[in-house]
N, C-alpha and C. Protein backbone atom coordinates (compact mmCIF):
# COMPACT_ATOMS: atom_id res chain seq x y z
N MET A 1 13.15 -9.61 11.05
CA MET A 1 13.45 -8.75 9.94
C MET A 1 12.17 -8.04 9.55
N SER A 2 12.19 -6.72 9.44
CA SER A 2 10.94 -6.00 9.09
C SER A 2 11.15 -5.33 7.71
N PHE A 3 10.15 -5.44 6.88
CA PHE A 3 10.12 -4.89 5.53
C PHE A 3 9.00 -3.92 5.40
N ALA A 4 9.26 -2.84 4.67
CA ALA A 4 8.21 -1.91 4.23
C ALA A 4 8.35 -1.77 2.71
N ILE A 5 7.20 -1.80 2.11
CA ILE A 5 7.12 -1.49 0.62
C ILE A 5 6.41 -0.20 0.50
N ILE A 6 7.09 0.81 0.01
CA ILE A 6 6.50 2.14 -0.23
C ILE A 6 6.17 2.28 -1.67
N GLN A 7 4.88 2.43 -1.95
CA GLN A 7 4.46 2.64 -3.34
C GLN A 7 4.15 4.09 -3.56
N THR A 8 4.74 4.68 -4.62
CA THR A 8 4.56 6.07 -4.94
C THR A 8 4.00 6.29 -6.35
N SER A 9 3.95 5.21 -7.16
CA SER A 9 3.59 5.35 -8.56
C SER A 9 2.10 5.38 -8.76
N PRO A 10 1.61 6.03 -9.81
CA PRO A 10 0.21 6.05 -10.14
C PRO A 10 -0.28 4.63 -10.53
N VAL A 11 -1.58 4.45 -10.44
CA VAL A 11 -2.15 3.06 -10.69
C VAL A 11 -1.96 2.60 -12.12
N ASN A 12 -1.72 3.50 -13.08
CA ASN A 12 -1.56 3.10 -14.46
C ASN A 12 -0.08 2.92 -14.82
N HIS A 13 0.81 2.90 -13.88
CA HIS A 13 2.25 2.78 -14.14
C HIS A 13 2.70 1.34 -13.76
N ALA A 14 3.60 0.81 -14.51
CA ALA A 14 4.10 -0.57 -14.31
C ALA A 14 4.73 -0.74 -12.94
N ALA A 15 5.30 0.30 -12.38
CA ALA A 15 5.95 0.18 -11.07
C ALA A 15 4.96 -0.21 -9.96
N ILE A 16 3.68 0.14 -10.07
CA ILE A 16 2.71 -0.24 -9.04
C ILE A 16 2.58 -1.74 -9.01
N TRP A 17 2.65 -2.38 -10.22
CA TRP A 17 2.57 -3.83 -10.27
C TRP A 17 3.83 -4.49 -9.77
N HIS A 18 5.02 -3.88 -10.09
CA HIS A 18 6.26 -4.48 -9.61
C HIS A 18 6.37 -4.43 -8.09
N GLY A 19 5.94 -3.32 -7.52
CA GLY A 19 5.90 -3.21 -6.06
C GLY A 19 4.96 -4.19 -5.45
N GLN A 20 3.80 -4.39 -6.09
CA GLN A 20 2.83 -5.37 -5.56
C GLN A 20 3.39 -6.78 -5.66
N ASP A 21 4.10 -7.06 -6.80
CA ASP A 21 4.78 -8.38 -6.90
C ASP A 21 5.70 -8.64 -5.73
N MET A 22 6.54 -7.67 -5.40
CA MET A 22 7.47 -7.83 -4.31
C MET A 22 6.71 -7.95 -2.94
N LEU A 23 5.70 -7.19 -2.81
CA LEU A 23 4.89 -7.22 -1.59
C LEU A 23 4.30 -8.62 -1.41
N LEU A 24 3.74 -9.18 -2.46
CA LEU A 24 3.13 -10.53 -2.34
C LEU A 24 4.16 -11.63 -2.15
N ALA A 25 5.33 -11.42 -2.80
CA ALA A 25 6.44 -12.43 -2.65
C ALA A 25 6.87 -12.45 -1.19
N LEU A 26 7.09 -11.32 -0.57
CA LEU A 26 7.48 -11.22 0.84
C LEU A 26 6.39 -11.82 1.75
N ALA A 27 5.16 -11.48 1.41
CA ALA A 27 4.04 -11.99 2.24
C ALA A 27 3.94 -13.53 2.17
N SER A 28 4.23 -14.06 0.99
CA SER A 28 4.09 -15.52 0.77
C SER A 28 5.11 -16.34 1.60
N VAL A 29 6.17 -15.70 2.03
CA VAL A 29 7.17 -16.38 2.86
C VAL A 29 7.10 -15.87 4.30
N ASP A 30 5.90 -15.41 4.69
CA ASP A 30 5.61 -15.00 6.04
C ASP A 30 6.45 -13.91 6.59
N LEU A 31 6.89 -13.00 5.77
CA LEU A 31 7.63 -11.82 6.26
C LEU A 31 6.72 -10.62 6.58
N ASN A 32 5.42 -10.74 6.24
CA ASN A 32 4.42 -9.76 6.58
C ASN A 32 4.86 -8.32 6.34
N PRO A 33 5.19 -7.93 5.13
CA PRO A 33 5.62 -6.59 4.84
C PRO A 33 4.55 -5.56 5.13
N GLN A 34 5.01 -4.38 5.45
CA GLN A 34 4.12 -3.25 5.64
C GLN A 34 3.95 -2.45 4.31
N LEU A 35 2.77 -2.40 3.78
CA LEU A 35 2.51 -1.62 2.62
C LEU A 35 2.24 -0.16 3.01
N ILE A 36 2.97 0.77 2.40
CA ILE A 36 2.83 2.18 2.65
C ILE A 36 2.54 2.87 1.31
N LEU A 37 1.42 3.58 1.24
CA LEU A 37 1.06 4.28 0.00
C LEU A 37 1.26 5.74 0.22
N THR A 38 1.90 6.37 -0.74
CA THR A 38 2.11 7.79 -0.68
C THR A 38 2.08 8.43 -2.11
N GLY A 39 1.88 9.68 -2.18
CA GLY A 39 1.83 10.34 -3.53
C GLY A 39 0.69 9.79 -4.36
N ALA A 40 0.98 9.57 -5.61
CA ALA A 40 -0.01 9.08 -6.55
C ALA A 40 -0.57 7.72 -6.22
N ALA A 41 0.22 6.95 -5.48
CA ALA A 41 -0.18 5.54 -5.17
C ALA A 41 -1.33 5.47 -4.21
N VAL A 42 -1.61 6.54 -3.49
CA VAL A 42 -2.79 6.54 -2.60
C VAL A 42 -4.03 6.20 -3.35
N GLN A 43 -4.14 6.59 -4.60
CA GLN A 43 -5.30 6.34 -5.44
C GLN A 43 -5.52 4.83 -5.64
N ALA A 44 -4.48 4.02 -5.50
CA ALA A 44 -4.60 2.57 -5.70
C ALA A 44 -5.52 1.93 -4.67
N TRP A 45 -5.74 2.60 -3.57
CA TRP A 45 -6.54 2.03 -2.44
C TRP A 45 -8.00 2.49 -2.55
N LEU A 46 -8.34 3.28 -3.57
CA LEU A 46 -9.73 3.70 -3.79
C LEU A 46 -10.47 2.75 -4.73
N SER A 47 -11.66 2.38 -4.37
CA SER A 47 -12.39 1.35 -5.09
C SER A 47 -12.65 1.66 -6.57
N ASN A 48 -12.71 2.94 -6.94
CA ASN A 48 -12.94 3.32 -8.34
C ASN A 48 -11.65 3.37 -9.19
N GLN A 49 -10.53 2.95 -8.64
CA GLN A 49 -9.27 3.04 -9.35
C GLN A 49 -8.62 1.69 -9.71
N ASP A 50 -9.41 0.64 -9.72
CA ASP A 50 -8.89 -0.69 -10.00
C ASP A 50 -8.31 -0.67 -11.47
N GLN A 51 -7.26 -1.41 -11.65
CA GLN A 51 -6.62 -1.57 -12.93
C GLN A 51 -6.49 -3.10 -13.31
N GLN A 52 -6.41 -3.36 -14.58
CA GLN A 52 -6.27 -4.71 -15.03
C GLN A 52 -4.96 -4.81 -15.77
N ARG A 53 -4.27 -5.97 -15.57
CA ARG A 53 -3.04 -6.27 -16.34
C ARG A 53 -3.00 -7.77 -16.50
N HIS A 54 -2.90 -8.21 -17.75
CA HIS A 54 -2.84 -9.65 -18.04
C HIS A 54 -4.02 -10.44 -17.39
N GLY A 55 -5.18 -9.80 -17.39
CA GLY A 55 -6.34 -10.43 -16.85
C GLY A 55 -6.37 -10.47 -15.32
N GLN A 56 -5.52 -9.70 -14.64
CA GLN A 56 -5.49 -9.70 -13.18
C GLN A 56 -5.86 -8.31 -12.68
N SER A 57 -6.59 -8.30 -11.57
CA SER A 57 -7.07 -7.08 -10.95
C SER A 57 -6.07 -6.60 -9.90
N LEU A 58 -5.70 -5.36 -9.95
CA LEU A 58 -4.86 -4.76 -8.98
C LEU A 58 -5.46 -4.91 -7.56
N HIS A 59 -6.71 -4.59 -7.45
CA HIS A 59 -7.44 -4.70 -6.16
C HIS A 59 -7.58 -6.12 -5.63
N LYS A 60 -7.83 -7.06 -6.50
CA LYS A 60 -7.95 -8.48 -6.03
C LYS A 60 -6.61 -8.97 -5.55
N ARG A 61 -5.51 -8.49 -6.17
CA ARG A 61 -4.20 -8.97 -5.71
C ARG A 61 -3.89 -8.28 -4.36
N TYR A 62 -4.28 -7.03 -4.14
CA TYR A 62 -4.12 -6.43 -2.85
C TYR A 62 -4.90 -7.16 -1.77
N ALA A 63 -6.04 -7.69 -2.15
CA ALA A 63 -6.88 -8.43 -1.17
C ALA A 63 -6.18 -9.66 -0.66
N LEU A 64 -5.25 -10.17 -1.36
CA LEU A 64 -4.47 -11.32 -0.89
C LEU A 64 -3.67 -10.99 0.36
N LEU A 65 -3.35 -9.75 0.57
CA LEU A 65 -2.60 -9.41 1.77
C LEU A 65 -3.28 -9.84 3.03
N GLU A 66 -4.63 -9.75 3.03
CA GLU A 66 -5.34 -10.10 4.22
C GLU A 66 -5.21 -11.59 4.50
N LEU A 67 -5.12 -12.42 3.47
CA LEU A 67 -4.96 -13.85 3.64
C LEU A 67 -3.61 -14.19 4.25
N PHE A 68 -2.63 -13.32 3.99
CA PHE A 68 -1.29 -13.55 4.55
C PHE A 68 -1.10 -12.85 5.90
N ASP A 69 -2.19 -12.34 6.46
CA ASP A 69 -2.11 -11.61 7.77
C ASP A 69 -1.13 -10.45 7.75
N CYS A 70 -1.11 -9.71 6.68
CA CYS A 70 -0.23 -8.56 6.62
C CYS A 70 -0.95 -7.39 7.33
N PRO A 71 -0.22 -6.45 7.85
CA PRO A 71 -0.79 -5.31 8.53
C PRO A 71 -1.57 -4.42 7.57
N ASN A 72 -2.46 -3.59 8.11
CA ASN A 72 -3.22 -2.65 7.32
C ASN A 72 -2.26 -1.65 6.64
N VAL A 73 -2.71 -1.22 5.46
CA VAL A 73 -1.89 -0.27 4.69
C VAL A 73 -1.77 1.07 5.50
N TRP A 74 -0.60 1.69 5.41
CA TRP A 74 -0.41 2.99 5.99
C TRP A 74 -0.55 4.09 4.95
N ILE A 75 -1.22 5.18 5.33
CA ILE A 75 -1.32 6.35 4.53
C ILE A 75 -1.12 7.56 5.44
N GLN A 76 -0.34 8.51 5.02
CA GLN A 76 -0.10 9.69 5.84
C GLN A 76 -1.38 10.51 5.94
N ALA A 77 -1.65 11.06 7.12
CA ALA A 77 -2.92 11.73 7.41
C ALA A 77 -3.24 12.80 6.41
N SER A 78 -2.28 13.61 5.98
CA SER A 78 -2.62 14.70 5.03
C SER A 78 -3.06 14.15 3.68
N GLU A 79 -2.40 13.04 3.25
CA GLU A 79 -2.75 12.48 1.97
C GLU A 79 -4.09 11.71 2.08
N TYR A 80 -4.36 11.12 3.23
CA TYR A 80 -5.69 10.46 3.43
C TYR A 80 -6.81 11.48 3.32
N LEU A 81 -6.64 12.61 3.96
CA LEU A 81 -7.68 13.67 3.89
C LEU A 81 -7.77 14.25 2.45
N ALA A 82 -6.65 14.43 1.79
CA ALA A 82 -6.71 14.94 0.44
C ALA A 82 -7.41 13.98 -0.54
N ALA A 83 -7.37 12.71 -0.25
CA ALA A 83 -8.06 11.71 -1.09
C ALA A 83 -9.49 11.51 -0.68
N GLY A 84 -10.00 12.29 0.28
CA GLY A 84 -11.36 12.20 0.66
C GLY A 84 -11.60 11.67 2.08
N GLY A 85 -10.56 11.21 2.71
CA GLY A 85 -10.64 10.71 4.13
C GLY A 85 -11.67 9.64 4.28
N PRO A 86 -12.41 9.65 5.39
CA PRO A 86 -13.36 8.62 5.70
C PRO A 86 -14.53 8.55 4.74
N ASP A 87 -14.73 9.60 3.93
CA ASP A 87 -15.82 9.61 2.96
C ASP A 87 -15.47 8.89 1.68
N SER A 88 -14.22 8.57 1.48
CA SER A 88 -13.82 7.86 0.27
C SER A 88 -14.11 6.37 0.45
N ASN A 89 -14.26 5.70 -0.72
CA ASN A 89 -14.55 4.30 -0.71
C ASN A 89 -13.26 3.49 -0.84
N TRP A 90 -12.60 3.23 0.33
CA TRP A 90 -11.32 2.51 0.32
C TRP A 90 -11.60 1.01 0.14
N ILE A 91 -10.67 0.32 -0.47
CA ILE A 91 -10.87 -1.14 -0.78
C ILE A 91 -10.63 -1.98 0.50
N ALA A 92 -9.92 -1.45 1.48
CA ALA A 92 -9.74 -2.18 2.70
C ALA A 92 -9.34 -1.17 3.80
N THR A 93 -9.17 -1.66 4.98
CA THR A 93 -8.86 -0.79 6.15
C THR A 93 -7.57 -0.04 5.91
N VAL A 94 -7.52 1.16 6.35
CA VAL A 94 -6.37 2.10 6.21
C VAL A 94 -5.93 2.45 7.64
N GLU A 95 -4.66 2.39 7.86
CA GLU A 95 -4.10 2.93 9.10
C GLU A 95 -3.54 4.35 8.78
N VAL A 96 -4.19 5.38 9.31
CA VAL A 96 -3.77 6.72 9.04
C VAL A 96 -2.65 7.11 10.02
N ILE A 97 -1.50 7.50 9.48
CA ILE A 97 -0.37 7.88 10.31
C ILE A 97 -0.27 9.41 10.36
N ASP A 98 -0.24 9.92 11.58
CA ASP A 98 -0.10 11.35 11.77
C ASP A 98 1.13 11.90 11.07
N ASP A 99 1.02 13.05 10.48
CA ASP A 99 2.15 13.64 9.73
C ASP A 99 3.39 13.81 10.56
N GLU A 100 3.23 14.16 11.85
CA GLU A 100 4.38 14.42 12.72
C GLU A 100 5.07 13.12 13.07
N LEU A 101 4.37 11.99 13.02
CA LEU A 101 4.95 10.68 13.40
C LEU A 101 5.47 9.88 12.18
N TRP A 102 5.23 10.36 11.02
CA TRP A 102 5.52 9.65 9.78
C TRP A 102 6.98 9.20 9.71
N SER A 103 7.90 10.11 9.84
CA SER A 103 9.31 9.76 9.76
C SER A 103 9.77 8.79 10.79
N ALA A 104 9.31 9.00 12.01
CA ALA A 104 9.67 8.08 13.07
C ALA A 104 9.16 6.68 12.83
N ARG A 105 7.96 6.57 12.31
CA ARG A 105 7.39 5.24 12.02
C ARG A 105 8.15 4.54 10.89
N LEU A 106 8.61 5.31 9.90
CA LEU A 106 9.36 4.70 8.84
C LEU A 106 10.75 4.17 9.30
N GLU A 107 11.28 4.81 10.29
CA GLU A 107 12.61 4.42 10.82
C GLU A 107 12.54 3.09 11.59
N GLU A 108 11.36 2.58 11.86
CA GLU A 108 11.20 1.29 12.54
C GLU A 108 11.58 0.09 11.66
N PHE A 109 11.64 0.31 10.35
CA PHE A 109 11.88 -0.82 9.47
C PHE A 109 13.32 -1.02 9.16
N GLN A 110 13.72 -2.27 9.10
CA GLN A 110 15.12 -2.61 8.75
C GLN A 110 15.32 -2.48 7.22
N HIS A 111 14.32 -2.81 6.44
CA HIS A 111 14.42 -2.82 5.01
C HIS A 111 13.23 -2.05 4.40
N VAL A 112 13.52 -1.07 3.54
CA VAL A 112 12.49 -0.32 2.89
C VAL A 112 12.77 -0.33 1.41
N LEU A 113 11.73 -0.73 0.62
CA LEU A 113 11.82 -0.78 -0.80
C LEU A 113 10.74 0.20 -1.36
N ARG A 114 11.12 0.98 -2.37
CA ARG A 114 10.23 1.96 -2.96
C ARG A 114 9.96 1.65 -4.42
N TYR A 115 8.69 1.67 -4.77
CA TYR A 115 8.26 1.46 -6.15
C TYR A 115 7.39 2.60 -6.60
């Protein structure tokens, strides 16, 4: 079973935390979901965009994905470049997906959840 979590919300919106909660829940039961950031959510992967909620760091919670052996986050090439590309200070490795391949790669998943 393959899961993708697509996050589209800005870092200051509650939905970014809800999506992250689902992402970590799936990861904790070894389902290794694919995190996909698009739209305003791309900012969540920039080091200067960390947010705090109830004493928890958005970025530190994302760092848990590495402990669960989840794949690198996907970002569409055009959005990656718009956010500064390789010159930006990303919090972890990014897999840049070519714009032409974006739809085909999304079709690979059996379950897609959007937050």
